[in-house]
Amino acid sequence: MLNISQDRNKSKGSHLLREAVTAAVGGAVAVAAVPVALTAMGFTGTGIAAASIAAKMMSAAAIANGGGVAAGSMVATLQSVGVLGLSTTTNAILGGVGAAIGYLF
Protein backbone atom coordinates (compact mmCIF):
# COMPACT_ATOMS: atom_id res chain seq x y z
CA MET A 1 0.00 0.00 0.00
CA LEU A 2 1.37 3.42 -1.02
CA ASN A 3 1.35 6.22 1.44
CA ILE A 4 0.45 9.75 0.29
CA SER A 5 4.09 10.84 -0.11
CA GLN A 6 4.94 7.90 -2.40
CA ASP A 7 1.81 8.53 -4.46
CA ARG A 8 2.77 12.20 -4.99
CA ASN A 9 6.30 11.24 -6.04
CA LYS A 10 4.95 8.71 -8.52
CA SER A 11 2.58 11.32 -9.96
CA LYS A 12 5.40 13.86 -10.19
CA GLY A 13 7.58 11.36 -12.06
CA SER A 14 4.94 10.57 -14.67
CA HIS A 15 4.30 14.30 -15.13
CA LEU A 16 8.01 14.93 -15.76
CA LEU A 17 8.13 12.06 -18.24
CA ARG A 18 5.16 13.47 -20.14
CA GLU A 19 6.81 16.91 -20.26
CA ALA A 20 10.08 15.41 -21.50
CA VAL A 21 8.30 13.45 -24.23
CA THR A 22 6.25 16.42 -25.44
CA ALA A 23 9.37 18.61 -25.46
CA ALA A 24 11.30 16.01 -27.50
CA VAL A 25 8.44 15.61 -29.97
CA GLY A 26 8.10 19.39 -30.29
CA GLY A 27 11.80 19.76 -31.04
CA ALA A 28 11.80 16.98 -33.61
CA VAL A 29 8.71 18.32 -35.36
CA ALA A 30 10.15 21.84 -35.55
CA VAL A 31 13.41 20.63 -37.10
CA ALA A 32 11.63 18.34 -39.58
CA ALA A 33 8.85 20.76 -40.54
CA VAL A 34 10.96 23.64 -41.87
CA PRO A 35 12.51 21.80 -44.85
CA VAL A 36 9.11 20.29 -45.70
CA ALA A 37 7.45 23.72 -45.56
CA LEU A 38 10.16 25.31 -47.73
CA THR A 39 9.85 22.57 -50.33
CA ALA A 40 6.07 22.96 -50.32
CA MET A 41 6.53 26.69 -50.95
CA GLY A 42 8.78 25.92 -53.93
CA PHE A 43 12.29 26.37 -52.53
CA THR A 44 13.67 23.04 -53.72
CA GLY A 45 17.12 21.49 -53.88
CA THR A 46 17.27 22.13 -57.62
CA GLY A 47 16.03 25.72 -57.58
CA ILE A 48 12.78 27.59 -57.35
CA ALA A 49 9.83 25.58 -58.66
CA ALA A 50 7.81 27.14 -61.46
CA ALA A 51 4.35 28.54 -60.59
CA SER A 52 5.04 28.25 -56.85
CA ILE A 53 4.85 30.70 -53.97
CA ALA A 54 8.65 30.92 -54.18
CA ALA A 55 8.44 31.89 -57.86
CA LYS A 56 5.95 34.65 -57.02
CA MET A 57 8.20 35.87 -54.21
CA MET A 58 11.21 35.86 -56.55
CA SER A 59 9.29 37.78 -59.21
CA ALA A 60 8.16 40.42 -56.70
CA ALA A 61 11.69 40.77 -55.32
CA ALA A 62 13.17 41.12 -58.81
CA ILE A 63 10.63 43.76 -59.80
CA ALA A 64 11.28 45.69 -56.59
CA ASN A 65 15.05 45.56 -57.21
CA GLY A 66 14.94 46.60 -60.84
CA GLY A 67 15.37 43.16 -62.37
CA GLY A 68 17.44 41.06 -59.99
CA VAL A 69 17.12 39.40 -56.62
CA ALA A 70 19.46 41.01 -54.10
CA ALA A 71 22.02 38.82 -52.37
CA GLY A 72 21.07 38.32 -48.75
CA SER A 73 17.38 39.03 -49.37
CA MET A 74 14.70 36.78 -47.92
CA VAL A 75 14.18 35.04 -51.26
CA ALA A 76 17.93 34.45 -51.69
CA THR A 77 18.26 33.16 -48.13
CA LEU A 78 15.28 30.81 -48.41
CA GLN A 79 16.59 29.48 -51.72
CA SER A 80 19.96 28.84 -50.12
CA VAL A 81 18.26 26.92 -47.31
CA GLY A 82 16.21 25.01 -49.88
CA VAL A 83 19.37 23.90 -51.69
CA LEU A 84 21.82 23.45 -48.81
CA GLY A 85 19.54 22.79 -45.84
CA LEU A 86 19.71 24.40 -42.44
CA SER A 87 22.92 24.88 -40.48
CA THR A 88 23.57 22.96 -37.30
CA THR A 89 23.11 26.15 -35.29
CA THR A 90 19.75 26.87 -36.92
CA ASN A 91 18.61 23.29 -36.33
CA ALA A 92 19.61 23.62 -32.68
CA ILE A 93 17.65 26.87 -32.33
CA LEU A 94 14.61 25.38 -34.05
CA GLY A 95 14.84 22.29 -31.88
CA GLY A 96 15.05 24.41 -28.74
CA VAL A 97 12.07 26.55 -29.70
CA GLY A 98 10.07 23.48 -30.71
CA ALA A 99 10.97 21.76 -27.46
CA ALA A 100 9.88 24.80 -25.44
CA ILE A 101 6.56 24.91 -27.27
CA GLY A 102 6.14 21.16 -26.89
CA TYR A 103 6.86 21.46 -23.17
CA LEU A 104 4.08 24.04 -22.80
CA PHE A 105 1.55 21.63 -24.27
PDB file of N, CA and C in Angstrom:
ATOM      1  N   MET A   1       0.825  -1.167   0.000  1.00  0.00           N
ATOM      2  CA  MET A   1       0.000   0.000   0.000  1.00  0.00           C
ATOM      3  C   MET A   1       0.880   1.245   0.000  1.00  0.00           C
ATOM      4  N   LEU A   2       0.602   2.183  -0.918  1.00  0.00           N
ATOM      5  CA  LEU A   2       1.367   3.416  -1.019  1.00  0.00           C
ATOM      6  C   LEU A   2       0.868   4.433  -0.007  1.00  0.00           C
ATOM      7  N   ASN A   3       1.805   5.119   0.609  1.00  0.00           N
ATOM      8  CA  ASN A   3       1.348   6.221   1.439  1.00  0.00           C
ATOM      9  C   ASN A   3       1.222   7.470   0.565  1.00  0.00           C
ATOM     10  N   ILE A   4       0.731   8.542   1.077  1.00  0.00           N
ATOM     11  CA  ILE A   4       0.452   9.751   0.291  1.00  0.00           C
ATOM     12  C   ILE A   4       1.728  10.314  -0.325  1.00  0.00           C
ATOM     13  N   SER A   5       2.826  10.319   0.391  1.00  0.00           N
ATOM     14  CA  SER A   5       4.092  10.843  -0.108  1.00  0.00           C
ATOM     15  C   SER A   5       4.578  10.050  -1.320  1.00  0.00           C
ATOM     16  N   GLN A   6       4.517   8.732  -1.271  1.00  0.00           N
ATOM     17  CA  GLN A   6       4.936   7.901  -2.396  1.00  0.00           C
ATOM     18  C   GLN A   6       4.036   8.128  -3.601  1.00  0.00           C
ATOM     19  N   ASP A   7       2.753   8.298  -3.366  1.00  0.00           N
ATOM     20  CA  ASP A   7       1.808   8.528  -4.456  1.00  0.00           C
ATOM     21  C   ASP A   7       2.107   9.851  -5.163  1.00  0.00           C
ATOM     22  N   ARG A   8       2.435  10.894  -4.407  1.00  0.00           N
ATOM     23  CA  ARG A   8       2.768  12.198  -4.992  1.00  0.00           C
ATOM     24  C   ARG A   8       4.043  12.102  -5.816  1.00  0.00           C
ATOM     25  N   ASN A   9       5.052  11.397  -5.300  1.00  0.00           N
ATOM     26  CA  ASN A   9       6.298  11.245  -6.044  1.00  0.00           C
ATOM     27  C   ASN A   9       6.083  10.484  -7.339  1.00  0.00           C
ATOM     28  N   LYS A  10       5.247   9.470  -7.319  1.00  0.00           N
ATOM     29  CA  LYS A  10       4.950   8.706  -8.525  1.00  0.00           C
ATOM     30  C   LYS A  10       4.239   9.590  -9.542  1.00  0.00           C
ATOM     31  N   SER A  11       3.304  10.406  -9.089  1.00  0.00           N
ATOM     32  CA  SER A  11       2.584  11.317  -9.962  1.00  0.00           C
ATOM     33  C   SER A  11       3.523  12.359 -10.554  1.00  0.00           C
ATOM     34  N   LYS A  12       4.438  12.865  -9.745  1.00  0.00           N
ATOM     35  CA  LYS A  12       5.400  13.859 -10.193  1.00  0.00           C
ATOM     36  C   LYS A  12       6.309  13.268 -11.272  1.00  0.00           C
ATOM     37  N   GLY A  13       6.729  12.024 -11.093  1.00  0.00           N
ATOM     38  CA  GLY A  13       7.585  11.358 -12.063  1.00  0.00           C
ATOM     39  C   GLY A  13       6.901  11.162 -13.400  1.00  0.00           C
ATOM     40  N   SER A  14       5.642  10.765 -13.394  1.00  0.00           N
ATOM     41  CA  SER A  14       4.936  10.574 -14.667  1.00  0.00           C
ATOM     42  C   SER A  14       4.685  11.905 -15.349  1.00  0.00           C
ATOM     43  N   HIS A  15       4.492  12.965 -14.555  1.00  0.00           N
ATOM     44  CA  HIS A  15       4.298  14.299 -15.129  1.00  0.00           C
ATOM     45  C   HIS A  15       5.584  14.771 -15.809  1.00  0.00           C
ATOM     46  N   LEU A  16       6.725  14.546 -15.177  1.00  0.00           N
ATOM     47  CA  LEU A  16       8.008  14.927 -15.763  1.00  0.00           C
ATOM     48  C   LEU A  16       8.286  14.141 -17.032  1.00  0.00           C
ATOM     49  N   LEU A  17       7.932  12.872 -17.043  1.00  0.00           N
ATOM     50  CA  LEU A  17       8.126  12.056 -18.238  1.00  0.00           C
ATOM     51  C   LEU A  17       7.286  12.577 -19.389  1.00  0.00           C
ATOM     52  N   ARG A  18       6.032  12.929 -19.100  1.00  0.00           N
ATOM     53  CA  ARG A  18       5.160  13.470 -20.138  1.00  0.00           C
ATOM     54  C   ARG A  18       5.727  14.774 -20.687  1.00  0.00           C
ATOM     55  N   GLU A  19       6.217  15.645 -19.821  1.00  0.00           N
ATOM     56  CA  GLU A  19       6.811  16.910 -20.258  1.00  0.00           C
ATOM     57  C   GLU A  19       8.045  16.671 -21.117  1.00  0.00           C
ATOM     58  N   ALA A  20       8.876  15.717 -20.732  1.00  0.00           N
ATOM     59  CA  ALA A  20      10.079  15.407 -21.503  1.00  0.00           C
ATOM     60  C   ALA A  20       9.720  14.872 -22.883  1.00  0.00           C
ATOM     61  N   VAL A  21       8.716  14.016 -22.941  1.00  0.00           N
ATOM     62  CA  VAL A  21       8.305  13.451 -24.229  1.00  0.00           C
ATOM     63  C   VAL A  21       7.718  14.525 -25.126  1.00  0.00           C
ATOM     64  N   THR A  22       6.844  15.377 -24.597  1.00  0.00           N
ATOM     65  CA  THR A  22       6.247  16.424 -25.440  1.00  0.00           C
ATOM     66  C   THR A  22       7.300  17.425 -25.894  1.00  0.00           C
ATOM     67  N   ALA A  23       8.289  17.716 -25.062  1.00  0.00           N
ATOM     68  CA  ALA A  23       9.373  18.610 -25.462  1.00  0.00           C
ATOM     69  C   ALA A  23      10.202  17.979 -26.588  1.00  0.00           C
ATOM     70  N   ALA A  24      10.519  16.697 -26.463  1.00  0.00           N
ATOM     71  CA  ALA A  24      11.298  16.007 -27.501  1.00  0.00           C
ATOM     72  C   ALA A  24      10.538  15.955 -28.819  1.00  0.00           C
ATOM     73  N   VAL A  25       9.258  15.663 -28.749  1.00  0.00           N
ATOM     74  CA  VAL A  25       8.438  15.613 -29.965  1.00  0.00           C
ATOM     75  C   VAL A  25       8.358  17.002 -30.587  1.00  0.00           C
ATOM     76  N   GLY A  26       8.159  18.023 -29.773  1.00  0.00           N
ATOM     77  CA  GLY A  26       8.099  19.395 -30.287  1.00  0.00           C
ATOM     78  C   GLY A  26       9.381  19.796 -30.994  1.00  0.00           C
ATOM     79  N   GLY A  27      10.511  19.453 -30.409  1.00  0.00           N
ATOM     80  CA  GLY A  27      11.795  19.760 -31.035  1.00  0.00           C
ATOM     81  C   GLY A  27      11.993  19.041 -32.353  1.00  0.00           C
ATOM     82  N   ALA A  28      11.651  17.768 -32.379  1.00  0.00           N
ATOM     83  CA  ALA A  28      11.802  16.978 -33.611  1.00  0.00           C
ATOM     84  C   ALA A  28      10.879  17.487 -34.715  1.00  0.00           C
ATOM     85  N   VAL A  29       9.664  17.819 -34.364  1.00  0.00           N
ATOM     86  CA  VAL A  29       8.707  18.319 -35.360  1.00  0.00           C
ATOM     87  C   VAL A  29       9.182  19.646 -35.923  1.00  0.00           C
ATOM     88  N   ALA A  30       9.681  20.536 -35.075  1.00  0.00           N
ATOM     89  CA  ALA A  30      10.150  21.837 -35.552  1.00  0.00           C
ATOM     90  C   ALA A  30      11.303  21.683 -36.541  1.00  0.00           C
ATOM     91  N   VAL A  31      12.252  20.823 -36.220  1.00  0.00           N
ATOM     92  CA  VAL A  31      13.408  20.626 -37.104  1.00  0.00           C
ATOM     93  C   VAL A  31      12.986  19.974 -38.416  1.00  0.00           C
ATOM     94  N   ALA A  32      12.054  19.041 -38.367  1.00  0.00           N
ATOM     95  CA  ALA A  32      11.626  18.339 -39.584  1.00  0.00           C
ATOM     96  C   ALA A  32      10.662  19.159 -40.430  1.00  0.00           C
ATOM     97  N   ALA A  33       9.900  20.042 -39.817  1.00  0.00           N
ATOM     98  CA  ALA A  33       8.848  20.762 -40.544  1.00  0.00           C
ATOM     99  C   ALA A  33       9.382  21.862 -41.450  1.00  0.00           C
ATOM    100  N   VAL A  34      10.468  22.513 -41.086  1.00  0.00           N
ATOM    101  CA  VAL A  34      10.959  23.644 -41.872  1.00  0.00           C
ATOM    102  C   VAL A  34      11.360  23.228 -43.286  1.00  0.00           C
ATOM    103  N   PRO A  35      12.183  22.192 -43.473  1.00  0.00           N
ATOM    104  CA  PRO A  35      12.508  21.801 -44.855  1.00  0.00           C
ATOM    105  C   PRO A  35      11.273  21.380 -45.656  1.00  0.00           C
ATOM    106  N   VAL A  36      10.336  20.711 -45.010  1.00  0.00           N
ATOM    107  CA  VAL A  36       9.109  20.292 -45.695  1.00  0.00           C
ATOM    108  C   VAL A  36       8.318  21.522 -46.127  1.00  0.00           C
ATOM    109  N   ALA A  37       8.198  22.502 -45.241  1.00  0.00           N
ATOM    110  CA  ALA A  37       7.453  23.722 -45.562  1.00  0.00           C
ATOM    111  C   ALA A  37       8.126  24.501 -46.690  1.00  0.00           C
ATOM    112  N   LEU A  38       9.453  24.593 -46.666  1.00  0.00           N
ATOM    113  CA  LEU A  38      10.155  25.313 -47.734  1.00  0.00           C
ATOM    114  C   LEU A  38       9.984  24.621 -49.078  1.00  0.00           C
ATOM    115  N   THR A  39      10.061  23.306 -49.081  1.00  0.00           N
ATOM    116  CA  THR A  39       9.851  22.567 -50.329  1.00  0.00           C
ATOM    117  C   THR A  39       8.429  22.762 -50.828  1.00  0.00           C
ATOM    118  N   ALA A  40       7.465  22.745 -49.929  1.00  0.00           N
ATOM    119  CA  ALA A  40       6.070  22.957 -50.323  1.00  0.00           C
ATOM    120  C   ALA A  40       5.864  24.350 -50.905  1.00  0.00           C
ATOM    121  N   MET A  41       6.631  25.325 -50.424  1.00  0.00           N
ATOM    122  CA  MET A  41       6.531  26.687 -50.949  1.00  0.00           C
ATOM    123  C   MET A  41       7.225  26.827 -52.302  1.00  0.00           C
ATOM    124  N   GLY A  42       8.096  25.877 -52.636  1.00  0.00           N
ATOM    125  CA  GLY A  42       8.775  25.918 -53.927  1.00  0.00           C
ATOM    126  C   GLY A  42      10.265  26.161 -53.867  1.00  0.00           C
ATOM    127  N   PHE A  43      10.833  26.234 -52.680  1.00  0.00           N
ATOM    128  CA  PHE A  43      12.286  26.374 -52.525  1.00  0.00           C
ATOM    129  C   PHE A  43      12.877  24.974 -52.470  1.00  0.00           C
ATOM    130  N   THR A  44      13.232  24.429 -53.632  1.00  0.00           N
ATOM    131  CA  THR A  44      13.671  23.038 -53.719  1.00  0.00           C
ATOM    132  C   THR A  44      15.190  22.936 -53.830  1.00  0.00           C
ATOM    133  N   GLY A  45      15.688  21.734 -53.758  1.00  0.00           N
ATOM    134  CA  GLY A  45      17.118  21.489 -53.876  1.00  0.00           C
ATOM    135  C   GLY A  45      17.672  21.776 -55.262  1.00  0.00           C
ATOM    136  N   THR A  46      16.814  21.858 -56.247  1.00  0.00           N
ATOM    137  CA  THR A  46      17.265  22.128 -57.617  1.00  0.00           C
ATOM    138  C   THR A  46      16.909  23.526 -58.082  1.00  0.00           C
ATOM    139  N   GLY A  47      16.385  24.344 -57.212  1.00  0.00           N
ATOM    140  CA  GLY A  47      16.033  25.716 -57.583  1.00  0.00           C
ATOM    141  C   GLY A  47      14.584  26.018 -57.232  1.00  0.00           C
ATOM    142  N   ILE A  48      14.147  27.172 -57.639  1.00  0.00           N
ATOM    143  CA  ILE A  48      12.777  27.592 -57.351  1.00  0.00           C
ATOM    144  C   ILE A  48      11.840  26.924 -58.343  1.00  0.00           C
ATOM    145  N   ALA A  49      10.800  26.299 -57.819  1.00  0.00           N
ATOM    146  CA  ALA A  49       9.830  25.582 -58.659  1.00  0.00           C
ATOM    147  C   ALA A  49       8.934  26.581 -59.388  1.00  0.00           C
ATOM    148  N   ALA A  50       8.661  26.270 -60.636  1.00  0.00           N
ATOM    149  CA  ALA A  50       7.805  27.136 -61.457  1.00  0.00           C
ATOM    150  C   ALA A  50       6.392  27.183 -60.874  1.00  0.00           C
ATOM    151  N   ALA A  51       5.746  28.325 -61.003  1.00  0.00           N
ATOM    152  CA  ALA A  51       4.353  28.544 -60.587  1.00  0.00           C
ATOM    153  C   ALA A  51       4.130  28.250 -59.098  1.00  0.00           C
ATOM    154  N   SER A  52       5.150  28.494 -58.282  1.00  0.00           N
ATOM    155  CA  SER A  52       5.041  28.250 -56.847  1.00  0.00           C
ATOM    156  C   SER A  52       5.019  29.579 -56.097  1.00  0.00           C
ATOM    157  N   ILE A  53       4.790  29.501 -54.810  1.00  0.00           N
ATOM    158  CA  ILE A  53       4.853  30.703 -53.972  1.00  0.00           C
ATOM    159  C   ILE A  53       6.253  31.299 -54.058  1.00  0.00           C
ATOM    160  N   ALA A  54       7.265  30.443 -54.079  1.00  0.00           N
ATOM    161  CA  ALA A  54       8.647  30.918 -54.177  1.00  0.00           C
ATOM    162  C   ALA A  54       8.872  31.684 -55.478  1.00  0.00           C
ATOM    163  N   ALA A  55       8.300  31.207 -56.575  1.00  0.00           N
ATOM    164  CA  ALA A  55       8.441  31.892 -57.856  1.00  0.00           C
ATOM    165  C   ALA A  55       7.781  33.266 -57.808  1.00  0.00           C
ATOM    166  N   LYS A  56       6.634  33.352 -57.159  1.00  0.00           N
ATOM    167  CA  LYS A  56       5.952  34.647 -57.024  1.00  0.00           C
ATOM    168  C   LYS A  56       6.769  35.595 -56.145  1.00  0.00           C
ATOM    169  N   MET A  57       7.348  35.044 -55.079  1.00  0.00           N
ATOM    170  CA  MET A  57       8.200  35.868 -54.214  1.00  0.00           C
ATOM    171  C   MET A  57       9.432  36.361 -54.971  1.00  0.00           C
ATOM    172  N   MET A  58      10.023  35.487 -55.773  1.00  0.00           N
ATOM    173  CA  MET A  58      11.206  35.859 -56.549  1.00  0.00           C
ATOM    174  C   MET A  58      10.857  36.936 -57.569  1.00  0.00           C
ATOM    175  N   SER A  59       9.724  36.788 -58.224  1.00  0.00           N
ATOM    176  CA  SER A  59       9.290  37.782 -59.209  1.00  0.00           C
ATOM    177  C   SER A  59       9.079  39.145 -58.548  1.00  0.00           C
ATOM    178  N   ALA A  60       8.413  39.164 -57.413  1.00  0.00           N
ATOM    179  CA  ALA A  60       8.163  40.415 -56.704  1.00  0.00           C
ATOM    180  C   ALA A  60       9.478  41.055 -56.248  1.00  0.00           C
ATOM    181  N   ALA A  61      10.405  40.249 -55.771  1.00  0.00           N
ATOM    182  CA  ALA A  61      11.694  40.774 -55.322  1.00  0.00           C
ATOM    183  C   ALA A  61      12.487  41.335 -56.497  1.00  0.00           C
ATOM    184  N   ALA A  62      12.442  40.643 -57.633  1.00  0.00           N
ATOM    185  CA  ALA A  62      13.171  41.117 -58.807  1.00  0.00           C
ATOM    186  C   ALA A  62      12.587  42.424 -59.326  1.00  0.00           C
ATOM    187  N   ILE A  63      11.265  42.528 -59.353  1.00  0.00           N
ATOM    188  CA  ILE A  63      10.625  43.765 -59.804  1.00  0.00           C
ATOM    189  C   ILE A  63      10.989  44.909 -58.860  1.00  0.00           C
ATOM    190  N   ALA A  64      10.954  44.657 -57.572  1.00  0.00           N
ATOM    191  CA  ALA A  64      11.277  45.692 -56.586  1.00  0.00           C
ATOM    192  C   ALA A  64      12.735  46.137 -56.674  1.00  0.00           C
ATOM    193  N   ASN A  65      13.621  45.246 -57.121  1.00  0.00           N
ATOM    194  CA  ASN A  65      15.048  45.564 -57.208  1.00  0.00           C
ATOM    195  C   ASN A  65      15.488  45.958 -58.608  1.00  0.00           C
ATOM    196  N   GLY A  66      14.565  46.183 -59.497  1.00  0.00           N
ATOM    197  CA  GLY A  66      14.942  46.603 -60.843  1.00  0.00           C
ATOM    198  C   GLY A  66      15.445  45.477 -61.727  1.00  0.00           C
ATOM    199  N   GLY A  67      15.036  44.247 -61.476  1.00  0.00           N
ATOM    200  CA  GLY A  67      15.366  43.155 -62.373  1.00  0.00           C
ATOM    201  C   GLY A  67      16.143  42.003 -61.769  1.00  0.00           C
ATOM    202  N   GLY A  68      16.670  42.143 -60.604  1.00  0.00           N
ATOM    203  CA  GLY A  68      17.444  41.059 -59.989  1.00  0.00           C
ATOM    204  C   GLY A  68      17.064  40.862 -58.532  1.00  0.00           C
ATOM    205  N   VAL A  69      17.358  39.696 -58.032  1.00  0.00           N
ATOM    206  CA  VAL A  69      17.117  39.404 -56.619  1.00  0.00           C
ATOM    207  C   VAL A  69      18.400  39.722 -55.861  1.00  0.00           C
ATOM    208  N   ALA A  70      18.283  40.569 -54.859  1.00  0.00           N
ATOM    209  CA  ALA A  70      19.456  41.007 -54.099  1.00  0.00           C
ATOM    210  C   ALA A  70      20.025  39.867 -53.259  1.00  0.00           C
ATOM    211  N   ALA A  71      21.344  39.793 -53.234  1.00  0.00           N
ATOM    212  CA  ALA A  71      22.017  38.824 -52.370  1.00  0.00           C
ATOM    213  C   ALA A  71      21.681  39.147 -50.925  1.00  0.00           C
ATOM    214  N   GLY A  72      21.395  38.126 -50.152  1.00  0.00           N
ATOM    215  CA  GLY A  72      21.068  38.320 -48.752  1.00  0.00           C
ATOM    216  C   GLY A  72      19.605  38.644 -48.496  1.00  0.00           C
ATOM    217  N   SER A  73      18.811  38.761 -49.557  1.00  0.00           N
ATOM    218  CA  SER A  73      17.383  39.028 -49.374  1.00  0.00           C
ATOM    219  C   SER A  73      16.692  37.777 -48.849  1.00  0.00           C
ATOM    220  N   MET A  74      15.438  37.927 -48.454  1.00  0.00           N
ATOM    221  CA  MET A  74      14.704  36.782 -47.921  1.00  0.00           C
ATOM    222  C   MET A  74      14.597  35.681 -48.968  1.00  0.00           C
ATOM    223  N   VAL A  75      14.315  36.045 -50.202  1.00  0.00           N
ATOM    224  CA  VAL A  75      14.182  35.035 -51.263  1.00  0.00           C
ATOM    225  C   VAL A  75      15.514  34.317 -51.467  1.00  0.00           C
ATOM    226  N   ALA A  76      16.613  35.062 -51.508  1.00  0.00           N
ATOM    227  CA  ALA A  76      17.929  34.446 -51.693  1.00  0.00           C
ATOM    228  C   ALA A  76      18.279  33.530 -50.520  1.00  0.00           C
ATOM    229  N   THR A  77      17.971  33.968 -49.317  1.00  0.00           N
ATOM    230  CA  THR A  77      18.264  33.161 -48.134  1.00  0.00           C
ATOM    231  C   THR A  77      17.435  31.881 -48.110  1.00  0.00           C
ATOM    232  N   LEU A  78      16.133  32.004 -48.397  1.00  0.00           N
ATOM    233  CA  LEU A  78      15.275  30.811 -48.409  1.00  0.00           C
ATOM    234  C   LEU A  78      15.695  29.839 -49.507  1.00  0.00           C
ATOM    235  N   GLN A  79      16.125  30.364 -50.661  1.00  0.00           N
ATOM    236  CA  GLN A  79      16.589  29.477 -51.723  1.00  0.00           C
ATOM    237  C   GLN A  79      17.858  28.757 -51.299  1.00  0.00           C
ATOM    238  N   SER A  80      18.749  29.455 -50.622  1.00  0.00           N
ATOM    239  CA  SER A  80      19.964  28.836 -50.125  1.00  0.00           C
ATOM    240  C   SER A  80      19.630  27.710 -49.143  1.00  0.00           C
ATOM    241  N   VAL A  81      18.681  27.952 -48.261  1.00  0.00           N
ATOM    242  CA  VAL A  81      18.260  26.920 -47.309  1.00  0.00           C
ATOM    243  C   VAL A  81      17.609  25.758 -48.054  1.00  0.00           C
ATOM    244  N   GLY A  82      16.832  26.065 -49.090  1.00  0.00           N
ATOM    245  CA  GLY A  82      16.210  25.010 -49.884  1.00  0.00           C
ATOM    246  C   GLY A  82      17.227  24.099 -50.542  1.00  0.00           C
ATOM    247  N   VAL A  83      18.330  24.684 -51.003  1.00  0.00           N
ATOM    248  CA  VAL A  83      19.368  23.901 -51.686  1.00  0.00           C
ATOM    249  C   VAL A  83      20.300  23.219 -50.685  1.00  0.00           C
ATOM    250  N   LEU A  84      20.782  23.958 -49.709  1.00  0.00           N
ATOM    251  CA  LEU A  84      21.815  23.448 -48.810  1.00  0.00           C
ATOM    252  C   LEU A  84      21.281  22.861 -47.506  1.00  0.00           C
ATOM    253  N   GLY A  85      20.079  23.214 -47.130  1.00  0.00           N
ATOM    254  CA  GLY A  85      19.538  22.791 -45.838  1.00  0.00           C
ATOM    255  C   GLY A  85      19.906  23.789 -44.759  1.00  0.00           C
ATOM    256  N   LEU A  86      19.471  23.515 -43.569  1.00  0.00           N
ATOM    257  CA  LEU A  86      19.714  24.404 -42.436  1.00  0.00           C
ATOM    258  C   LEU A  86      21.036  24.080 -41.765  1.00  0.00           C
ATOM    259  N   SER A  87      21.665  25.094 -41.200  1.00  0.00           N
ATOM    260  CA  SER A  87      22.917  24.884 -40.484  1.00  0.00           C
ATOM    261  C   SER A  87      22.645  24.163 -39.164  1.00  0.00           C
ATOM    262  N   THR A  88      23.688  23.637 -38.588  1.00  0.00           N
ATOM    263  CA  THR A  88      23.575  22.961 -37.297  1.00  0.00           C
ATOM    264  C   THR A  88      23.062  23.920 -36.229  1.00  0.00           C
ATOM    265  N   THR A  89      23.545  25.149 -36.260  1.00  0.00           N
ATOM    266  CA  THR A  89      23.106  26.151 -35.289  1.00  0.00           C
ATOM    267  C   THR A  89      21.617  26.437 -35.437  1.00  0.00           C
ATOM    268  N   THR A  90      21.165  26.603 -36.677  1.00  0.00           N
ATOM    269  CA  THR A  90      19.754  26.874 -36.920  1.00  0.00           C
ATOM    270  C   THR A  90      18.894  25.689 -36.491  1.00  0.00           C
ATOM    271  N   ASN A  91      19.345  24.484 -36.777  1.00  0.00           N
ATOM    272  CA  ASN A  91      18.613  23.293 -36.327  1.00  0.00           C
ATOM    273  C   ASN A  91      18.530  23.243 -34.804  1.00  0.00           C
ATOM    274  N   ALA A  92      19.618  23.618 -34.141  1.00  0.00           N
ATOM    275  CA  ALA A  92      19.613  23.619 -32.675  1.00  0.00           C
ATOM    276  C   ALA A  92      18.625  24.652 -32.139  1.00  0.00           C
ATOM    277  N   ILE A  93      18.593  25.828 -32.754  1.00  0.00           N
ATOM    278  CA  ILE A  93      17.654  26.867 -32.329  1.00  0.00           C
ATOM    279  C   ILE A  93      16.217  26.412 -32.571  1.00  0.00           C
ATOM    280  N   LEU A  94      15.951  25.884 -33.761  1.00  0.00           N
ATOM    281  CA  LEU A  94      14.608  25.379 -34.055  1.00  0.00           C
ATOM    282  C   LEU A  94      14.209  24.274 -33.086  1.00  0.00           C
ATOM    283  N   GLY A  95      15.129  23.376 -32.819  1.00  0.00           N
ATOM    284  CA  GLY A  95      14.845  22.293 -31.875  1.00  0.00           C
ATOM    285  C   GLY A  95      14.539  22.819 -30.487  1.00  0.00           C
ATOM    286  N   GLY A  96      15.291  23.817 -30.051  1.00  0.00           N
ATOM    287  CA  GLY A  96      15.051  24.407 -28.739  1.00  0.00           C
ATOM    288  C   GLY A  96      13.708  25.105 -28.649  1.00  0.00           C
ATOM    289  N   VAL A  97      13.371  25.862 -29.687  1.00  0.00           N
ATOM    290  CA  VAL A  97      12.073  26.552 -29.704  1.00  0.00           C
ATOM    291  C   VAL A  97      10.946  25.524 -29.763  1.00  0.00           C
ATOM    292  N   GLY A  98      11.093  24.525 -30.623  1.00  0.00           N
ATOM    293  CA  GLY A  98      10.074  23.477 -30.714  1.00  0.00           C
ATOM    294  C   GLY A  98       9.919  22.713 -29.411  1.00  0.00           C
ATOM    295  N   ALA A  99      11.037  22.468 -28.741  1.00  0.00           N
ATOM    296  CA  ALA A  99      10.972  21.755 -27.455  1.00  0.00           C
ATOM    297  C   ALA A  99      10.267  22.604 -26.403  1.00  0.00           C
ATOM    298  N   ALA A 100      10.547  23.909 -26.408  1.00  0.00           N
ATOM    299  CA  ALA A 100       9.884  24.796 -25.442  1.00  0.00           C
ATOM    300  C   ALA A 100       8.377  24.838 -25.687  1.00  0.00           C
ATOM    301  N   ILE A 101       7.991  24.910 -26.952  1.00  0.00           N
ATOM    302  CA  ILE A 101       6.561  24.915 -27.274  1.00  0.00           C
ATOM    303  C   ILE A 101       5.936  23.572 -26.927  1.00  0.00           C
ATOM    304  N   GLY A 102       6.635  22.485 -27.247  1.00  0.00           N
ATOM    305  CA  GLY A 102       6.145  21.162 -26.887  1.00  0.00           C
ATOM    306  C   GLY A 102       5.994  20.992 -25.392  1.00  0.00           C
ATOM    307  N   TYR A 103       6.910  21.538 -24.631  1.00  0.00           N
ATOM    308  CA  TYR A 103       6.864  21.459 -23.171  1.00  0.00           C
ATOM    309  C   TYR A 103       5.622  22.165 -22.631  1.00  0.00           C
ATOM    310  N   LEU A 104       5.242  23.266 -23.257  1.00  0.00           N
ATOM    311  CA  LEU A 104       4.078  24.035 -22.802  1.00  0.00           C
ATOM    312  C   LEU A 104       2.769  23.284 -23.029  1.00  0.00           C
ATOM    313  N   PHE A 105       2.779  22.380 -23.982  1.00  0.00           N
ATOM    314  CA  PHE A 105       1.554  21.632 -24.273  1.00  0.00           C
ATOM    315  C   PHE A 105       1.650  20.259 -23.675  1.00  0.00           C
TER     316      PHE A 105
END
